Amino acid sequence: MWVWKKQIRESKESEWRERLSPQSQGIVMTSLADRKRTQLEVYCEKEETALALYGAYGGSCSPLQEKDWVAATAPRQQRPLLIRDRLVVCASTDQIPELQSRYPGRIILVFPAECAFGTGNHATTATCLRLLCDEARQRTPGSWRVIDAGCGTGILGLAAVRLGAAGACCYDFDADAVRIARNNMRRNGAPRSLSVFRADVFEWLPEPEQRAHVLLANLFSGVLQRAFPRLLASLVTSEGSILIVSGILREQAEDTLSAAQAAGFSLIRRVICGKWVTFQLTPRP
């Protein structure tokens, strides 16, 4: 693993995200102390990718010593995440008996923090889980299917199946994400109706019988804007299918919504949580 770094003006963050969209899932932007500059970091699997960025834009590049930073810095006694009155997300199977007693009737999911993939506490993931709970209430159990594009830990797909979806396809371009998601499925005893695999959001399309009634995509804005036509093609054509998208910064929200509408979606709901925006969309008739 290699990392390319460059300091940029804070006002240019969106421009750099668009410029680096092919690498966008490996981008980290950190505001510096003066609040006028941002440390831009791109994590690359191959040395030549980092060197190409260095050759094109300057900055610096170096090999990265791999370490499970999320697991190393995660709180030892992480508080469970409560979603509506339906879900409890915890970090260890040891917590299950106590949580079952404290929250009878709720669905308990175990997702430890590991390898830069978190537990569901991030605002974007938690908002997607809340909207998923709301949507599940309106659907007959076993009558709807789910796709989780860019699944990370797999928490959204598993939550959907536990909430009544007939099945879920969870995919991610990152091989580590797929490995971790599969581990989480085994840890939680996921049913065979949930599949986890490696795929590219710009290339993969489901078979007709795999198309989703509910599609979740917690991705960067630049990725979403390019992927909307393919996400639309991944939904069933009947009335009532929805797309939930997150990972959108507030300053990117209008451009992202415009791209969704141009691709054929209508807005149902907008949820703002801190600096993040989540959209619930539906295909236009």
Foldseek 3Di string as FASTA:
>chain_A
DKKFKDKDFPVCVVVVCLVPVVQNVQWDWAQDPVNGIIIIMGDDPDPVVNVVCCVVPNGDMDDDDDDWVFLVPPDPADDWDDADLAETEEADPVCVVVVCVVRPPHHYAHHHRTDPFHGQPDPFSSVLLNVLLVLLVVDDAAPWEEEEEQCQLVVNQQSNVVSRYNAYEYERQDPVSLVNNVVRCVVRVPDPRYDYYYDDLQDDEDDLVRAGLEYEYAGALSSLLNNLLRNVRSHDPDPRRKYKYWNYFPVCVVVSVVSNVVSAKDWDDWDDDPRIIMTIIDGDD
